[in-house]
Protein backbone atom coordinates (compact mmCIF):
# COMPACT_ATOMS: atom_id res chain seq x y z
CA MET A 1 -11.78 83.73 23.63
CA SER A 2 -13.05 87.21 22.85
CA LYS A 3 -10.80 89.68 21.10
CA VAL A 4 -9.13 92.41 23.07
CA ALA A 5 -8.03 95.79 21.74
CA LEU A 6 -5.38 98.11 23.07
CA ILE A 7 -6.44 101.73 22.60
CA ILE A 8 -3.54 104.21 22.78
CA VAL A 9 -4.86 107.75 23.27
CA ASP A 10 -3.07 111.00 22.35
CA MET A 11 0.56 109.97 22.74
CA GLN A 12 1.48 112.91 20.52
CA LYS A 13 4.35 115.36 20.49
CA ASN A 14 2.24 118.42 21.39
CA CYS A 15 0.60 116.48 24.24
CA LYS A 16 3.98 115.57 25.75
CA GLU A 17 5.02 119.19 25.36
CA ALA A 18 1.86 120.36 27.21
CA THR A 19 2.39 118.34 30.40
CA SER A 20 4.69 119.23 33.26
CA CYS A 21 4.75 115.51 34.20
CA LYS A 22 7.23 114.50 31.48
CA GLY A 23 8.81 111.75 33.61
CA SER A 24 5.54 109.88 34.08
CA PHE A 25 4.66 110.46 30.40
CA GLU A 26 7.93 108.78 29.37
CA LYS A 27 7.38 105.88 31.80
CA ALA A 28 3.87 105.41 30.39
CA VAL A 29 5.30 105.26 26.83
CA GLU A 30 7.76 102.53 27.90
CA TYR A 31 4.96 100.49 29.44
CA ILE A 32 2.66 101.04 26.46
CA ASN A 33 5.43 99.84 24.12
CA GLU A 34 5.84 96.60 26.10
CA ILE A 35 2.10 95.92 26.09
CA SER A 36 1.54 96.92 22.45
CA GLN A 37 4.31 94.57 21.30
CA TYR A 38 2.65 91.78 23.26
CA PHE A 39 -0.74 92.59 21.69
CA ARG A 40 0.77 92.54 18.20
CA MET A 41 2.52 89.23 18.89
CA LYS A 42 -0.82 87.76 20.01
CA LYS A 43 -2.59 89.16 16.89
CA GLN A 44 -4.81 91.45 18.95
CA THR A 45 -5.99 94.85 17.75
CA VAL A 46 -3.93 97.98 18.47
CA VAL A 47 -5.62 101.33 17.82
CA ILE A 48 -3.77 104.63 18.00
CA ILE A 49 -6.02 107.65 18.54
CA GLN A 50 -4.71 111.08 17.67
CA ASP A 51 -6.31 114.37 18.68
CA ILE A 52 -6.80 116.92 15.91
CA GLU A 53 -6.43 119.65 18.57
CA ALA A 54 -2.74 118.65 18.88
CA GLY A 55 -2.12 120.55 15.66
CA GLY A 56 -3.74 118.69 12.79
CA PRO A 57 -2.32 115.86 10.68
CA GLU A 58 -0.03 118.12 8.66
CA THR A 59 1.90 119.39 11.71
CA ASP A 60 4.83 117.87 13.59
CA GLY A 61 3.07 118.23 16.96
CA PHE A 62 0.24 115.98 15.76
CA LYS A 63 2.62 113.05 15.20
CA CYS A 64 3.08 110.32 17.79
CA VAL A 65 6.02 110.88 20.12
CA ASP A 66 9.20 109.38 18.70
CA GLU A 67 9.46 106.94 21.62
CA LEU A 68 6.13 105.28 20.81
CA GLU A 69 6.56 102.10 18.81
CA VAL A 70 3.96 101.73 16.06
CA SER A 71 3.33 99.05 13.47
CA ASP A 72 2.00 99.09 9.92
CA HIS A 73 -0.80 96.85 11.24
CA ASP A 74 -1.98 99.37 13.85
CA ILE A 75 -5.24 101.18 13.17
CA PHE A 76 -5.13 104.98 13.34
CA VAL A 77 -8.17 107.07 14.28
CA ASN A 78 -8.28 110.87 14.37
CA LYS A 79 -10.62 112.50 16.87
CA THR A 80 -11.92 116.01 17.37
CA TYR A 81 -13.54 115.51 20.79
CA SER A 82 -12.19 114.16 24.09
CA ASN A 83 -14.08 110.86 23.75
CA GLY A 84 -12.35 108.74 21.10
CA PHE A 85 -15.72 107.22 20.18
CA TRP A 86 -17.54 110.52 19.60
CA GLU A 87 -18.03 111.20 15.88
CA THR A 88 -15.27 108.75 14.86
CA ASP A 89 -15.27 105.28 13.30
CA LEU A 90 -13.77 103.69 16.43
CA ASP A 91 -16.87 101.71 17.45
CA THR A 92 -17.38 100.45 13.88
CA ILE A 93 -13.73 99.41 13.64
CA LEU A 94 -13.81 97.54 16.95
CA LYS A 95 -17.03 95.73 16.04
CA ARG A 96 -15.57 94.76 12.65
CA GLU A 97 -12.50 93.37 14.48
CA GLY A 98 -14.74 91.38 16.85
CA VAL A 99 -13.47 93.22 19.92
CA GLU A 100 -15.35 92.77 23.19
CA CYS A 101 -12.77 93.99 25.69
CA ILE A 102 -10.75 97.21 25.58
CA ILE A 103 -7.59 98.21 27.41
CA ILE A 104 -7.13 101.99 27.32
CA CYS A 105 -3.85 103.80 27.86
CA GLY A 106 -2.23 107.10 26.95
CA PHE A 107 -2.66 110.79 27.71
CA ALA A 108 -4.32 112.67 29.44
CA VAL A 109 -5.98 110.38 31.92
CA GLU A 110 -7.95 113.30 33.41
CA HIS A 111 -9.49 114.10 30.03
CA CYS A 112 -9.34 112.10 26.81
CA VAL A 113 -8.37 108.75 28.36
CA LEU A 114 -11.17 108.96 30.92
CA PHE A 115 -13.76 110.15 28.40
CA THR A 116 -12.80 107.36 25.98
CA TYR A 117 -12.95 104.87 28.88
CA ASN A 118 -16.48 106.05 29.69
CA GLY A 119 -17.43 105.97 25.98
CA ALA A 120 -16.32 102.34 25.77
CA ILE A 121 -18.39 101.36 28.82
CA GLU A 122 -21.44 103.17 27.40
CA ARG A 123 -21.09 101.06 24.25
CA GLY A 124 -20.99 97.80 26.21
CA TYR A 125 -17.28 96.93 26.06
CA LYS A 126 -15.50 95.33 28.99
CA THR A 127 -13.11 98.19 29.70
CA PHE A 128 -9.90 98.61 31.70
CA LEU A 129 -7.19 101.21 32.13
CA LEU A 130 -3.66 99.93 31.60
CA GLN A 131 -1.86 100.11 34.92
CA ASN A 132 1.25 102.31 34.55
CA GLY A 133 0.21 103.07 30.98
CA VAL A 134 -1.52 106.39 31.56
CA ALA A 135 -0.16 109.89 32.03
CA GLY A 136 -1.66 113.27 32.67
CA PHE A 137 -1.17 116.81 33.86
CA ASP A 138 -1.06 115.88 37.58
CA ASP A 139 0.54 112.68 38.88
CA ASP A 140 -1.69 112.62 42.00
CA GLU A 141 -4.79 112.86 39.82
CA VAL A 142 -3.48 110.03 37.62
CA LYS A 143 -3.15 107.81 40.71
CA ARG A 144 -6.61 108.79 41.99
CA ILE A 145 -8.30 108.00 38.68
CA GLN A 146 -6.60 104.61 38.54
CA LEU A 147 -7.87 103.83 42.04
CA LEU A 148 -11.45 104.56 40.97
CA ARG A 149 -11.49 102.59 37.69
CA SER A 150 -10.98 99.00 36.59
CA VAL A 151 -7.25 98.62 35.98
CA ILE A 152 -5.33 95.72 34.48
CA CYS A 153 -1.62 94.97 34.68
CA TYR A 154 0.84 93.33 32.30
CA GLY A 155 0.91 90.04 34.23
CA ALA A 156 -2.87 89.65 34.03
CA LEU A 157 -2.83 90.44 30.30
CA GLU A 158 -0.16 87.79 29.73
CA TYR A 159 -2.37 85.27 31.50
CA PHE A 160 -5.56 86.18 29.63
CA LEU A 161 -4.05 86.60 26.17
């Protein structure tokens, strides 16, 4: 079985503050927590990507939202651009971990999540969005993007992992 990685994008305090869709952001965090715990239990890779534009590592707004459960075993990657692969070590890390399939979740699906999704496909990874695990600035746009991309749900992940 190939290794699967869960990529959690920009679930940071300043990002939550920036969206008017706080309810869907909080629901996405709950779903991400369930899935990430399952990934950790199955010894699969969990990567947390943080956007430097959210304030920089020394600021409170840069930190992950308090609701997001993280582990000492998670891999943290800082990014400067919308695509989590662009000018970061993400691809190198995933190759080192033997990852072939990526599940992407987080914020904002209209921007960084989508660009990281496309970056993963361009690099040859089997790539999916986590159903119910993405949030954005517009709930209708979040739904539309999920309709137009490969999406995977918790039940399918349980089966495959």
